């Protein structure tokens, strides 16, 4: 699971390469580290079908069954204390930390679109998430849990995760309470080398060519873009080990 990445290219260069005509937050500096629940730029189809770049919050809505289980556990604790509560309100206010990575787009049992993620795999909710490098913990090589940073080359060229987004409203943190915001996440797939050596479970879905970006942001159905959810073998390079962020490229 990728829970850390870097975007060290300027927003103008990102907008130019994907022909985003509008940037709703053009004064944001490069980010050497993007963590879950952070704001970060994404590229999507805006009004009139024109591409725009805007900031969104990393973490899609959690599946309802997980939220229900968490609320029921909290309810059991309140019952044990003899505290009265409204379960519907308890469920509504259950903190949702969000889901950063989307893996199971298709149900193993039915072969159909996953009932939770399927609603956001259509044209209106697909987006591109720009990055220059991303980190996975070393779980399978030395098992040190150190961050292993991957990029398309030592110079950290720009690439994009295949992302999805949605307007969302929930409690992310108890101290901040109810919030409304745009949330995003990106797809993952089977791991390929060199990521597989360190993190065999999965890797992000990476789109490197203009025709892939265009298809992902087109009006094509999920069936027409599903083949893009695939590994990117023997293309990435290990560019750093152990760092908490990746600051090499700032231009």
C-alpha atoms as a PDB file:
ATOM      1  CA  UNK A   1       0.000   0.000   0.000  1.00  0.00           C
ATOM      2  CA  UNK A   2       1.426   3.335  -1.057  1.00  0.00           C
ATOM      3  CA  UNK A   3       0.863   5.895   1.685  1.00  0.00           C
ATOM      4  CA  UNK A   4       3.578   8.399   0.804  1.00  0.00           C
ATOM      5  CA  UNK A   5       4.624  10.130  -2.389  1.00  0.00           C
ATOM      6  CA  UNK A   6       6.317  13.284  -3.620  1.00  0.00           C
ATOM      7  CA  UNK A   7       5.387  15.850  -6.252  1.00  0.00           C
ATOM      8  CA  UNK A   8       8.342  18.147  -6.828  1.00  0.00           C
ATOM      9  CA  UNK A   9       7.398  19.625 -10.185  1.00  0.00           C
ATOM     10  CA  UNK A  10       5.871  23.073 -10.370  1.00  0.00           C
ATOM     11  CA  UNK A  11       2.134  23.238 -10.954  1.00  0.00           C
ATOM     12  CA  UNK A  12       2.564  25.146 -14.203  1.00  0.00           C
ATOM     13  CA  UNK A  13       4.625  22.325 -15.698  1.00  0.00           C
ATOM     14  CA  UNK A  14       2.059  19.754 -14.538  1.00  0.00           C
ATOM     15  CA  UNK A  15      -0.811  21.724 -16.063  1.00  0.00           C
ATOM     16  CA  UNK A  16       1.078  22.191 -19.318  1.00  0.00           C
ATOM     17  CA  UNK A  17       1.901  18.536 -19.859  1.00  0.00           C
ATOM     18  CA  UNK A  18      -1.726  17.384 -19.444  1.00  0.00           C
ATOM     19  CA  UNK A  19      -3.291  20.495 -21.014  1.00  0.00           C
ATOM     20  CA  UNK A  20      -5.127  21.560 -17.875  1.00  0.00           C
ATOM     21  CA  UNK A  21      -6.519  24.985 -18.735  1.00  0.00           C
ATOM     22  CA  UNK A  22      -7.490  25.941 -15.184  1.00  0.00           C
ATOM     23  CA  UNK A  23      -5.586  25.683 -11.905  1.00  0.00           C
ATOM     24  CA  UNK A  24      -7.711  26.469  -8.881  1.00  0.00           C
ATOM     25  CA  UNK A  25      -4.712  26.794  -6.574  1.00  0.00           C
ATOM     26  CA  UNK A  26      -1.750  27.892  -8.643  1.00  0.00           C
ATOM     27  CA  UNK A  27       0.313  29.187  -5.722  1.00  0.00           C
ATOM     28  CA  UNK A  28       0.912  25.838  -4.011  1.00  0.00           C
ATOM     29  CA  UNK A  29       4.617  24.938  -3.801  1.00  0.00           C
ATOM     30  CA  UNK A  30       6.039  21.490  -4.660  1.00  0.00           C
ATOM     31  CA  UNK A  31       5.500  18.852  -1.963  1.00  0.00           C
ATOM     32  CA  UNK A  32       8.431  16.659  -0.936  1.00  0.00           C
ATOM     33  CA  UNK A  33       6.049  14.408   0.991  1.00  0.00           C
ATOM     34  CA  UNK A  34       2.313  13.804   0.607  1.00  0.00           C
ATOM     35  CA  UNK A  35       0.765  11.687   3.366  1.00  0.00           C
ATOM     36  CA  UNK A  36      -2.786  10.355   3.831  1.00  0.00           C
ATOM     37  CA  UNK A  37      -5.324  13.107   4.563  1.00  0.00           C
ATOM     38  CA  UNK A  38      -3.035  15.755   3.024  1.00  0.00           C
ATOM     39  CA  UNK A  39      -4.200  18.074   0.270  1.00  0.00           C
ATOM     40  CA  UNK A  40      -2.507  17.500  -3.081  1.00  0.00           C
ATOM     41  CA  UNK A  41      -3.121  18.456  -6.730  1.00  0.00           C
ATOM     42  CA  UNK A  42      -5.159  16.242  -9.041  1.00  0.00           C
ATOM     43  CA  UNK A  43      -6.135  16.734 -12.686  1.00  0.00           C
ATOM     44  CA  UNK A  44      -9.729  16.075 -13.762  1.00  0.00           C
ATOM     45  CA  UNK A  45     -12.361  17.027 -16.284  1.00  0.00           C
ATOM     46  CA  UNK A  46     -14.053  20.217 -15.159  1.00  0.00           C
ATOM     47  CA  UNK A  47     -17.006  22.149 -16.482  1.00  0.00           C
ATOM     48  CA  UNK A  48     -17.483  21.868 -20.220  1.00  0.00           C
ATOM     49  CA  UNK A  49     -15.093  18.925 -20.360  1.00  0.00           C
ATOM     50  CA  UNK A  50     -12.013  21.128 -20.004  1.00  0.00           C
ATOM     51  CA  UNK A  51      -9.246  19.786 -17.805  1.00  0.00           C
ATOM     52  CA  UNK A  52      -8.489  21.552 -14.574  1.00  0.00           C
ATOM     53  CA  UNK A  53      -6.178  21.049 -11.645  1.00  0.00           C
ATOM     54  CA  UNK A  54      -7.370  21.456  -8.099  1.00  0.00           C
ATOM     55  CA  UNK A  55      -6.384  20.393  -4.617  1.00  0.00           C
ATOM     56  CA  UNK A  56      -8.141  17.453  -3.017  1.00  0.00           C
ATOM     57  CA  UNK A  57      -7.711  15.479   0.176  1.00  0.00           C
ATOM     58  CA  UNK A  58      -6.036  12.080  -0.007  1.00  0.00           C
ATOM     59  CA  UNK A  59      -8.389   9.371   1.206  1.00  0.00           C
ATOM     60  CA  UNK A  60     -11.583   8.094  -0.419  1.00  0.00           C
ATOM     61  CA  UNK A  61     -14.664   7.180   1.649  1.00  0.00           C
ATOM     62  CA  UNK A  62     -14.305   3.951   3.620  1.00  0.00           C
ATOM     63  CA  UNK A  63     -16.647   1.044   2.803  1.00  0.00           C
ATOM     64  CA  UNK A  64     -19.939   1.204   4.676  1.00  0.00           C
ATOM     65  CA  UNK A  65     -19.495  -2.217   6.275  1.00  0.00           C
ATOM     66  CA  UNK A  66     -16.247  -1.094   7.933  1.00  0.00           C
ATOM     67  CA  UNK A  67     -17.888   2.068   9.225  1.00  0.00           C
ATOM     68  CA  UNK A  68     -20.824   0.031  10.534  1.00  0.00           C
ATOM     69  CA  UNK A  69     -18.516  -2.388  12.341  1.00  0.00           C
ATOM     70  CA  UNK A  70     -16.630   0.482  13.969  1.00  0.00           C
ATOM     71  CA  UNK A  71     -19.860   2.182  15.066  1.00  0.00           C
ATOM     72  CA  UNK A  72     -21.252  -1.064  16.473  1.00  0.00           C
ATOM     73  CA  UNK A  73     -18.076  -1.562  18.487  1.00  0.00           C
ATOM     74  CA  UNK A  74     -18.403   1.965  19.852  1.00  0.00           C
ATOM     75  CA  UNK A  75     -22.079   1.316  20.619  1.00  0.00           C
ATOM     76  CA  UNK A  76     -21.185  -1.836  22.574  1.00  0.00           C
ATOM     77  CA  UNK A  77     -18.853   0.217  24.720  1.00  0.00           C
ATOM     78  CA  UNK A  78     -21.539   2.805  25.420  1.00  0.00           C
ATOM     79  CA  UNK A  79     -24.070   0.092  26.290  1.00  0.00           C
ATOM     80  CA  UNK A  80     -21.587  -1.426  28.731  1.00  0.00           C
ATOM     81  CA  UNK A  81     -21.401   1.952  30.471  1.00  0.00           C
ATOM     82  CA  UNK A  82     -25.165   2.369  30.482  1.00  0.00           C
ATOM     83  CA  UNK A  83     -24.933   5.438  28.218  1.00  0.00           C
ATOM     84  CA  UNK A  84     -27.915   6.259  26.003  1.00  0.00           C
ATOM     85  CA  UNK A  85     -27.213   7.064  22.343  1.00  0.00           C
ATOM     86  CA  UNK A  86     -28.770   7.455  18.897  1.00  0.00           C
ATOM     87  CA  UNK A  87     -27.138   4.789  16.710  1.00  0.00           C
ATOM     88  CA  UNK A  88     -27.864   6.598  13.441  1.00  0.00           C
ATOM     89  CA  UNK A  89     -26.077   9.690  14.741  1.00  0.00           C
ATOM     90  CA  UNK A  90     -23.283   7.548  16.173  1.00  0.00           C
ATOM     91  CA  UNK A  91     -22.760   5.982  12.752  1.00  0.00           C
ATOM     92  CA  UNK A  92     -22.862   9.366  10.992  1.00  0.00           C
ATOM     93  CA  UNK A  93     -20.192  10.754  13.313  1.00  0.00           C
ATOM     94  CA  UNK A  94     -17.951   7.673  13.277  1.00  0.00           C
ATOM     95  CA  UNK A  95     -14.470   8.903  12.208  1.00  0.00           C
ATOM     96  CA  UNK A  96     -13.615   7.905   8.642  1.00  0.00           C
ATOM     97  CA  UNK A  97      -9.851   7.984   8.118  1.00  0.00           C
ATOM     98  CA  UNK A  98     -10.309   7.354   4.406  1.00  0.00           C
ATOM     99  CA  UNK A  99      -8.888   4.795   1.984  1.00  0.00           C
ATOM    100  CA  UNK A 100      -5.824   5.894   0.028  1.00  0.00           C
ATOM    101  CA  UNK A 101      -5.489   2.959  -2.380  1.00  0.00           C
ATOM    102  CA  UNK A 102      -8.166   1.243  -4.488  1.00  0.00           C
ATOM    103  CA  UNK A 103      -7.281  -2.358  -5.379  1.00  0.00           C
ATOM    104  CA  UNK A 104     -10.395  -4.523  -5.682  1.00  0.00           C
ATOM    105  CA  UNK A 105     -12.264  -2.829  -8.508  1.00  0.00           C
ATOM    106  CA  UNK A 106     -13.998  -6.105  -9.424  1.00  0.00           C
ATOM    107  CA  UNK A 107     -15.784  -8.481  -7.048  1.00  0.00           C
ATOM    108  CA  UNK A 108     -14.046 -11.847  -6.752  1.00  0.00           C
ATOM    109  CA  UNK A 109     -17.408 -13.568  -6.188  1.00  0.00           C
ATOM    110  CA  UNK A 110     -19.435 -12.041  -9.025  1.00  0.00           C
ATOM    111  CA  UNK A 111     -16.844 -10.745 -11.484  1.00  0.00           C
ATOM    112  CA  UNK A 112     -18.771  -7.485 -11.589  1.00  0.00           C
ATOM    113  CA  UNK A 113     -17.676  -4.038 -10.480  1.00  0.00           C
ATOM    114  CA  UNK A 114     -17.066  -3.761  -6.757  1.00  0.00           C
ATOM    115  CA  UNK A 115     -20.219  -2.320  -5.190  1.00  0.00           C
ATOM    116  CA  UNK A 116     -18.252   0.243  -3.169  1.00  0.00           C
ATOM    117  CA  UNK A 117     -15.627   1.380  -5.696  1.00  0.00           C
ATOM    118  CA  UNK A 118     -17.641   0.882  -8.875  1.00  0.00           C
ATOM    119  CA  UNK A 119     -19.571   4.131  -8.454  1.00  0.00           C
ATOM    120  CA  UNK A 120     -16.335   6.132  -8.874  1.00  0.00           C
ATOM    121  CA  UNK A 121     -14.741   4.298 -11.789  1.00  0.00           C
ATOM    122  CA  UNK A 122     -16.749   6.071 -14.483  1.00  0.00           C
ATOM    123  CA  UNK A 123     -15.666   9.116 -16.519  1.00  0.00           C
ATOM    124  CA  UNK A 124     -17.016  11.725 -14.091  1.00  0.00           C
ATOM    125  CA  UNK A 125     -14.883  10.490 -11.198  1.00  0.00           C
ATOM    126  CA  UNK A 126     -11.592   9.516 -12.778  1.00  0.00           C
ATOM    127  CA  UNK A 127      -8.589  11.784 -12.299  1.00  0.00           C
ATOM    128  CA  UNK A 128      -4.819  11.894 -12.657  1.00  0.00           C
ATOM    129  CA  UNK A 129      -2.655  12.244  -9.556  1.00  0.00           C
ATOM    130  CA  UNK A 130       0.747  13.752 -10.425  1.00  0.00           C
ATOM    131  CA  UNK A 131       3.877  12.464  -8.691  1.00  0.00           C
ATOM    132  CA  UNK A 132       7.629  12.434  -9.142  1.00  0.00           C
ATOM    133  CA  UNK A 133       8.425   9.580  -6.734  1.00  0.00           C
ATOM    134  CA  UNK A 134       6.618   7.326  -4.285  1.00  0.00           C
ATOM    135  CA  UNK A 135       7.606   5.242  -1.281  1.00  0.00           C
ATOM    136  CA  UNK A 136       6.815   1.720  -0.168  1.00  0.00           C
ATOM    137  CA  UNK A 137       7.999   0.229   3.138  1.00  0.00           C
ATOM    138  CA  UNK A 138      10.558  -2.569   2.882  1.00  0.00           C
ATOM    139  CA  UNK A 139       8.365  -5.478   3.960  1.00  0.00           C
ATOM    140  CA  UNK A 140       9.917  -8.299   1.960  1.00  0.00           C
ATOM    141  CA  UNK A 141      13.658  -7.695   1.373  1.00  0.00           C
ATOM    142  CA  UNK A 142      15.473  -6.760   4.573  1.00  0.00           C
ATOM    143  CA  UNK A 143      12.100  -6.229   6.264  1.00  0.00           C
ATOM    144  CA  UNK A 144      13.424  -3.051   7.807  1.00  0.00           C
ATOM    145  CA  UNK A 145      10.184  -1.135   7.115  1.00  0.00           C
ATOM    146  CA  UNK A 146      12.387   1.674   5.790  1.00  0.00           C
ATOM    147  CA  UNK A 147      10.908   3.745   2.986  1.00  0.00           C
ATOM    148  CA  UNK A 148      12.106   2.663  -0.446  1.00  0.00           C
ATOM    149  CA  UNK A 149      11.566   5.485  -2.932  1.00  0.00           C
ATOM    150  CA  UNK A 150      10.791   4.708  -6.576  1.00  0.00           C
ATOM    151  CA  UNK A 151      10.730   6.985  -9.633  1.00  0.00           C
ATOM    152  CA  UNK A 152      10.953   6.700 -13.408  1.00  0.00           C
ATOM    153  CA  UNK A 153      14.592   7.820 -13.194  1.00  0.00           C
ATOM    154  CA  UNK A 154      17.133   9.577 -11.012  1.00  0.00           C
ATOM    155  CA  UNK A 155      15.900  12.921 -12.360  1.00  0.00           C
ATOM    156  CA  UNK A 156      12.371  12.126 -11.062  1.00  0.00           C
ATOM    157  CA  UNK A 157      10.374  12.844 -14.229  1.00  0.00           C
ATOM    158  CA  UNK A 158       6.686  13.592 -13.884  1.00  0.00           C
ATOM    159  CA  UNK A 159       4.191  10.717 -14.051  1.00  0.00           C
ATOM    160  CA  UNK A 160       0.620  10.142 -12.906  1.00  0.00           C
ATOM    161  CA  UNK A 161      -1.248   7.661 -10.766  1.00  0.00           C
ATOM    162  CA  UNK A 162      -4.611   6.517 -12.143  1.00  0.00           C
ATOM    163  CA  UNK A 163      -6.882   8.211  -9.637  1.00  0.00           C
ATOM    164  CA  UNK A 164     -10.517   8.529  -8.643  1.00  0.00           C
ATOM    165  CA  UNK A 165     -12.238  11.300  -6.710  1.00  0.00           C
ATOM    166  CA  UNK A 166     -15.564  12.271  -5.147  1.00  0.00           C
ATOM    167  CA  UNK A 167     -17.152  14.995  -3.036  1.00  0.00           C
ATOM    168  CA  UNK A 168     -17.298  13.670   0.520  1.00  0.00           C
ATOM    169  CA  UNK A 169     -18.602  14.661   3.946  1.00  0.00           C
ATOM    170  CA  UNK A 170     -17.611  12.937   7.167  1.00  0.00           C
ATOM    171  CA  UNK A 171     -15.683  13.198  10.418  1.00  0.00           C
ATOM    172  CA  UNK A 172     -12.021  12.611   9.625  1.00  0.00           C
ATOM    173  CA  UNK A 173     -10.743  13.681  13.029  1.00  0.00           C
ATOM    174  CA  UNK A 174     -12.778  13.969  16.204  1.00  0.00           C
ATOM    175  CA  UNK A 175     -11.153  17.284  17.094  1.00  0.00           C
ATOM    176  CA  UNK A 176     -12.220  18.903  13.801  1.00  0.00           C
ATOM    177  CA  UNK A 177     -15.674  17.335  13.579  1.00  0.00           C
ATOM    178  CA  UNK A 178     -17.874  17.216  10.489  1.00  0.00           C
ATOM    179  CA  UNK A 179     -16.190  18.358   7.251  1.00  0.00           C
ATOM    180  CA  UNK A 180     -17.096  18.604   3.573  1.00  0.00           C
ATOM    181  CA  UNK A 181     -14.327  18.246   0.988  1.00  0.00           C
ATOM    182  CA  UNK A 182     -13.250  16.615  -2.281  1.00  0.00           C
ATOM    183  CA  UNK A 183     -11.480  13.303  -1.685  1.00  0.00           C
ATOM    184  CA  UNK A 184      -9.172  11.323  -3.972  1.00  0.00           C
ATOM    185  CA  UNK A 185      -7.320   8.038  -4.061  1.00  0.00           C
ATOM    186  CA  UNK A 186      -5.523   5.987  -6.695  1.00  0.00           C
ATOM    187  CA  UNK A 187      -5.646   2.463  -7.998  1.00  0.00           C
ATOM    188  CA  UNK A 188      -3.159  -0.271  -7.165  1.00  0.00           C
ATOM    189  CA  UNK A 189      -2.365  -3.549  -8.877  1.00  0.00           C
ATOM    190  CA  UNK A 190      -0.027  -6.543  -8.693  1.00  0.00           C
ATOM    191  CA  UNK A 191       3.518  -5.616  -7.828  1.00  0.00           C
ATOM    192  CA  UNK A 192       6.313  -5.755 -10.428  1.00  0.00           C
ATOM    193  CA  UNK A 193      10.070  -5.305 -10.147  1.00  0.00           C
ATOM    194  CA  UNK A 194      11.773  -3.429  -8.697  1.00  0.00           C
ATOM    195  CA  UNK A 195       8.895  -2.674  -6.295  1.00  0.00           C
ATOM    196  CA  UNK A 196       8.141  -6.377  -5.847  1.00  0.00           C
ATOM    197  CA  UNK A 197      11.481  -7.071  -4.155  1.00  0.00           C
ATOM    198  CA  UNK A 198      10.579  -4.731  -1.317  1.00  0.00           C
ATOM    199  CA  UNK A 199       6.775  -4.722  -1.362  1.00  0.00           C
ATOM    200  CA  UNK A 200       5.362  -7.831  -3.014  1.00  0.00           C
ATOM    201  CA  UNK A 201       1.705  -7.180  -2.222  1.00  0.00           C
ATOM    202  CA  UNK A 202       0.889  -4.301  -4.566  1.00  0.00           C
ATOM    203  CA  UNK A 203       2.069  -1.171  -6.366  1.00  0.00           C
ATOM    204  CA  UNK A 204       0.270   1.949  -7.659  1.00  0.00           C
ATOM    205  CA  UNK A 205      -1.214   2.028 -11.146  1.00  0.00           C
ATOM    206  CA  UNK A 206       1.099   4.389 -13.040  1.00  0.00           C
ATOM    207  CA  UNK A 207       0.315   6.075 -16.343  1.00  0.00           C
ATOM    208  CA  UNK A 208       3.384   7.339 -18.212  1.00  0.00           C
ATOM    209  CA  UNK A 209       2.173   8.220 -21.723  1.00  0.00           C
ATOM    210  CA  UNK A 210      -0.079  10.955 -23.067  1.00  0.00           C
ATOM    211  CA  UNK A 211      -2.412   8.457 -24.725  1.00  0.00           C
ATOM    212  CA  UNK A 212      -2.936   6.753 -21.355  1.00  0.00           C
ATOM    213  CA  UNK A 213      -3.702  10.063 -19.646  1.00  0.00           C
ATOM    214  CA  UNK A 214      -6.116  10.956 -22.413  1.00  0.00           C
ATOM    215  CA  UNK A 215      -7.916   7.608 -22.204  1.00  0.00           C
ATOM    216  CA  UNK A 216      -8.190   7.736 -18.408  1.00  0.00           C
ATOM    217  CA  UNK A 217      -9.749  11.213 -18.562  1.00  0.00           C
ATOM    218  CA  UNK A 218     -11.971  10.414 -21.537  1.00  0.00           C
ATOM    219  CA  UNK A 219     -15.656   9.457 -21.604  1.00  0.00           C
ATOM    220  CA  UNK A 220     -14.692   5.805 -22.049  1.00  0.00           C
ATOM    221  CA  UNK A 221     -16.466   3.227 -19.906  1.00  0.00           C
ATOM    222  CA  UNK A 222     -14.682   1.294 -17.184  1.00  0.00           C
ATOM    223  CA  UNK A 223     -14.551  -1.724 -19.492  1.00  0.00           C
ATOM    224  CA  UNK A 224     -12.584   0.376 -21.978  1.00  0.00           C
ATOM    225  CA  UNK A 225     -10.027   1.619 -19.450  1.00  0.00           C
ATOM    226  CA  UNK A 226      -9.793  -1.392 -17.100  1.00  0.00           C
ATOM    227  CA  UNK A 227      -6.672  -2.693 -18.875  1.00  0.00           C
ATOM    228  CA  UNK A 228      -4.768   0.297 -17.491  1.00  0.00           C
ATOM    229  CA  UNK A 229      -4.974  -1.260 -14.016  1.00  0.00           C
ATOM    230  CA  UNK A 230      -1.793  -3.254 -14.581  1.00  0.00           C
ATOM    231  CA  UNK A 231       1.764  -3.438 -13.225  1.00  0.00           C
ATOM    232  CA  UNK A 232       4.549  -1.320 -14.703  1.00  0.00           C
ATOM    233  CA  UNK A 233       7.406  -3.863 -14.912  1.00  0.00           C
ATOM    234  CA  UNK A 234      11.119  -3.048 -15.096  1.00  0.00           C
ATOM    235  CA  UNK A 235      10.538   0.672 -15.573  1.00  0.00           C
ATOM    236  CA  UNK A 236      10.945   2.212 -12.131  1.00  0.00           C
ATOM    237  CA  UNK A 237      14.223   2.859 -10.337  1.00  0.00           C
ATOM    238  CA  UNK A 238      15.086   2.903  -6.629  1.00  0.00           C
ATOM    239  CA  UNK A 239      16.120   6.516  -6.034  1.00  0.00           C
ATOM    240  CA  UNK A 240      16.320   6.779  -2.242  1.00  0.00           C
ATOM    241  CA  UNK A 241      16.210   4.586   0.852  1.00  0.00           C
ATOM    242  CA  UNK A 242      15.001   5.478   4.327  1.00  0.00           C
ATOM    243  CA  UNK A 243      14.100   9.112   3.693  1.00  0.00           C
ATOM    244  CA  UNK A 244      10.864  10.495   5.076  1.00  0.00           C
ATOM    245  CA  UNK A 245      10.453  12.705   1.991  1.00  0.00           C
ATOM    246  CA  UNK A 246      12.033  13.081  -1.434  1.00  0.00           C
ATOM    247  CA  UNK A 247      13.380  16.538  -2.173  1.00  0.00           C
ATOM    248  CA  UNK A 248      15.847  16.023  -5.009  1.00  0.00           C
ATOM    249  CA  UNK A 249      13.921  17.810  -7.755  1.00  0.00           C
ATOM    250  CA  UNK A 250      12.407  21.222  -7.006  1.00  0.00           C
ATOM    251  CA  UNK A 251      12.074  22.681 -10.525  1.00  0.00           C
END
